[in-house]
Amino acid sequence: ADVICLQEFDFHPSFAVFRELYDAKLGDAFEMFTAQRTGSKHDGLATLVRRATFGVLSMSTVELEPRFCDRVAIFAQLRHHASGLGVVVANTHLTVAHANNSHDIPMCRPTQMAHVLRELGARSVDGALPFLCADMNSDHLETEPPDGPYTAQDVSRPVHMAFE
């Protein structure tokens, strides 16, 4: 792989050994960028880019709306060495879809996806190819009663938004 996108990357000090492992095994070949979730969360994202394949033009982290969800996204603007093409990689992890509240499914997750897609579009200029890597958490209704307030289509809305 030339680009690796990880979600639920652990930043807790007791798991620092994982960062050390990535650095030891991949540090010579890959440039690694990380973003911890906001608030008191110990997980986040990691994006690794193979130096021999891509040049990193810019790397940025965006805090996603709504802020109370404590979610972030990493955007990597890259230049493919062999072809000269621009590539923009977005890496994110959407809020878990809790069907027992009135905001995660109908508001939070679609708002987060719209934010990611706006940012990805804004960075995909001059023919740069956009790529979206994400844990969209679209499968959390299996424990809800079949007559719950949301359908599978409601829960998978962020996935459909990415293709519209």
Protein backbone atom coordinates (compact mmCIF):
# COMPACT_ATOMS: atom_id res chain seq x y z
CA ALA A 1 0.00 0.00 0.00
CA ASP A 2 1.15 3.53 -0.72
CA VAL A 3 -1.38 5.23 1.58
CA ILE A 4 -2.66 3.72 4.83
CA CYS A 5 -5.60 5.24 6.70
CA LEU A 6 -6.33 4.04 10.22
CA GLN A 7 -9.29 4.86 12.43
CA GLU A 8 -9.48 4.22 16.18
CA PHE A 9 -5.73 4.78 16.40
CA ASP A 10 -5.03 4.73 20.15
CA PHE A 11 -3.28 7.71 21.73
CA HIS A 12 -3.55 6.53 25.33
CA PRO A 13 -0.08 6.52 26.94
CA SER A 14 -0.42 2.83 27.84
CA PHE A 15 -0.64 2.05 24.10
CA ALA A 16 2.36 4.14 23.00
CA VAL A 17 4.01 0.87 22.02
CA PHE A 18 1.79 0.79 18.92
CA ARG A 19 3.06 4.17 17.71
CA GLU A 20 6.59 2.97 18.38
CA LEU A 21 5.87 -0.21 16.38
CA TYR A 22 4.59 1.77 13.39
CA ASP A 23 7.58 4.09 13.56
CA ALA A 24 10.05 1.20 13.83
CA LYS A 25 8.55 -0.93 11.07
CA LEU A 26 7.26 1.71 8.67
CA GLY A 27 9.03 4.94 9.60
CA ASP A 28 11.74 4.67 6.95
CA ALA A 29 9.25 4.22 4.11
CA PHE A 30 6.21 6.16 5.32
CA GLU A 31 5.52 9.64 6.63
CA MET A 32 2.95 9.38 9.42
CA PHE A 33 0.35 11.99 10.37
CA THR A 34 -1.98 11.61 13.33
CA ALA A 35 -4.97 13.42 14.80
CA GLN A 36 -6.48 12.65 18.18
CA ARG A 37 -10.18 13.17 18.73
CA THR A 38 -11.12 16.27 20.67
CA GLY A 39 -12.39 16.23 24.22
CA SER A 40 -11.07 13.55 26.53
CA LYS A 41 -11.06 10.83 23.87
CA HIS A 42 -7.95 8.66 23.53
CA ASP A 43 -8.46 7.50 19.97
CA GLY A 44 -8.18 9.18 16.62
CA LEU A 45 -6.73 8.81 13.15
CA ALA A 46 -3.45 8.00 11.47
CA THR A 47 -2.59 8.52 7.81
CA LEU A 48 0.63 7.04 6.48
CA VAL A 49 2.04 8.06 3.08
CA ARG A 50 4.80 6.17 1.26
CA ARG A 51 7.60 8.67 0.61
CA ALA A 52 8.83 6.92 -2.55
CA THR A 53 5.39 7.20 -4.19
CA PHE A 54 3.97 10.54 -3.03
CA GLY A 55 5.19 13.96 -2.07
CA VAL A 56 3.17 15.59 0.71
CA LEU A 57 2.02 19.05 -0.35
CA SER A 58 0.02 19.67 2.79
CA MET A 59 -1.57 17.85 5.68
CA SER A 60 -4.33 19.32 7.80
CA THR A 61 -6.71 18.31 10.55
CA VAL A 62 -10.29 19.56 10.75
CA GLU A 63 -12.60 19.31 13.77
CA LEU A 64 -15.95 18.10 12.49
CA GLU A 65 -19.34 19.56 13.31
CA PRO A 66 -21.17 19.14 15.55
CA ARG A 67 -18.32 19.72 17.99
CA PHE A 68 -19.91 17.75 20.85
CA CYS A 69 -19.25 14.52 18.89
CA ASP A 70 -15.47 15.03 19.26
CA ARG A 71 -14.68 13.87 15.69
CA VAL A 72 -11.85 14.92 13.40
CA ALA A 73 -10.68 14.36 9.84
CA ILE A 74 -7.21 14.37 8.29
CA PHE A 75 -6.76 15.76 4.77
CA ALA A 76 -3.58 14.92 2.86
CA GLN A 77 -2.83 16.79 -0.35
CA LEU A 78 -0.33 14.66 -2.23
CA ARG A 79 1.59 14.69 -5.52
CA HIS A 80 2.17 11.31 -7.18
CA HIS A 81 5.87 11.25 -8.13
CA ALA A 82 5.57 9.08 -11.26
CA SER A 83 2.60 10.80 -12.89
CA GLY A 84 2.64 14.25 -11.34
CA LEU A 85 -1.07 13.92 -10.52
CA GLY A 86 -2.51 15.49 -7.42
CA VAL A 87 -4.33 13.29 -4.95
CA VAL A 88 -6.35 14.36 -1.90
CA VAL A 89 -6.95 11.75 0.78
CA ALA A 90 -9.53 12.29 3.52
CA ASN A 91 -9.42 10.04 6.58
CA THR A 92 -12.20 10.19 9.18
CA HIS A 93 -14.32 8.22 11.63
CA LEU A 94 -17.98 9.20 11.95
CA THR A 95 -20.00 9.10 15.15
CA VAL A 96 -21.41 5.74 16.17
CA ALA A 97 -25.05 5.50 15.14
CA HIS A 98 -27.06 5.27 18.35
CA ALA A 99 -30.66 4.55 17.44
CA ASN A 100 -31.78 5.29 21.00
CA ASN A 101 -31.26 9.05 20.73
CA SER A 102 -32.75 11.64 18.44
CA HIS A 103 -29.59 13.18 17.02
CA ASP A 104 -26.81 10.74 15.93
CA ILE A 105 -28.54 9.22 12.91
CA PRO A 106 -30.71 12.04 11.55
CA MET A 107 -28.35 14.94 12.31
CA CYS A 108 -24.80 14.26 13.55
CA ARG A 109 -23.52 11.70 11.08
CA PRO A 110 -24.95 13.39 7.95
CA THR A 111 -23.58 16.73 9.22
CA GLN A 112 -20.14 15.17 9.70
CA MET A 113 -20.19 13.58 6.24
CA ALA A 114 -21.32 16.82 4.60
CA HIS A 115 -18.43 18.61 6.36
CA VAL A 116 -15.89 16.01 5.17
CA LEU A 117 -17.21 16.10 1.59
CA ARG A 118 -17.11 19.94 1.50
CA GLU A 119 -13.54 19.95 2.75
CA LEU A 120 -12.52 17.18 0.34
CA GLY A 121 -14.11 19.04 -2.59
CA ALA A 122 -12.44 22.32 -1.65
CA ARG A 123 -9.03 20.63 -1.63
CA SER A 124 -9.56 18.63 -4.85
CA VAL A 125 -8.62 21.41 -7.27
CA ASP A 126 -6.62 21.45 -10.50
CA GLY A 127 -7.62 17.88 -11.36
CA ALA A 128 -6.56 16.38 -8.02
CA LEU A 129 -8.18 12.99 -7.45
CA PRO A 130 -10.24 12.75 -4.24
CA PHE A 131 -10.17 9.64 -2.05
CA LEU A 132 -12.31 9.11 1.04
CA CYS A 133 -11.20 6.63 3.70
CA ALA A 134 -13.56 6.34 6.64
CA ASP A 135 -15.21 4.27 9.30
CA MET A 136 -18.78 5.44 8.68
CA ASN A 137 -20.35 3.35 11.47
CA SER A 138 -23.31 2.39 9.31
CA ASP A 139 -24.15 -0.95 10.91
CA HIS A 140 -25.40 -0.28 14.42
CA LEU A 141 -29.07 -1.16 14.19
CA GLU A 142 -28.65 -4.91 14.60
CA THR A 143 -29.48 -4.71 18.31
CA GLU A 144 -32.43 -2.38 17.87
CA PRO A 145 -35.97 -3.74 17.64
CA PRO A 146 -37.19 -4.11 14.05
CA ASP A 147 -39.79 -1.42 14.69
CA GLY A 148 -37.14 1.06 15.86
CA PRO A 149 -37.21 4.70 14.82
CA TYR A 150 -34.62 4.33 12.02
CA THR A 151 -34.22 2.15 8.96
CA ALA A 152 -31.02 0.71 7.53
CA GLN A 153 -31.30 3.38 4.83
CA ASP A 154 -31.35 6.09 7.52
CA VAL A 155 -28.25 4.65 9.14
CA SER A 156 -26.33 4.28 5.87
CA ARG A 157 -27.12 7.84 4.71
CA PRO A 158 -23.47 9.04 5.05
CA VAL A 159 -22.33 6.25 2.71
CA HIS A 160 -24.89 7.28 0.10
CA MET A 161 -23.89 10.95 0.48
CA ALA A 162 -20.35 10.05 -0.59
CA PHE A 163 -21.66 8.81 -3.94
CA GLU A 164 -24.17 11.57 -4.70
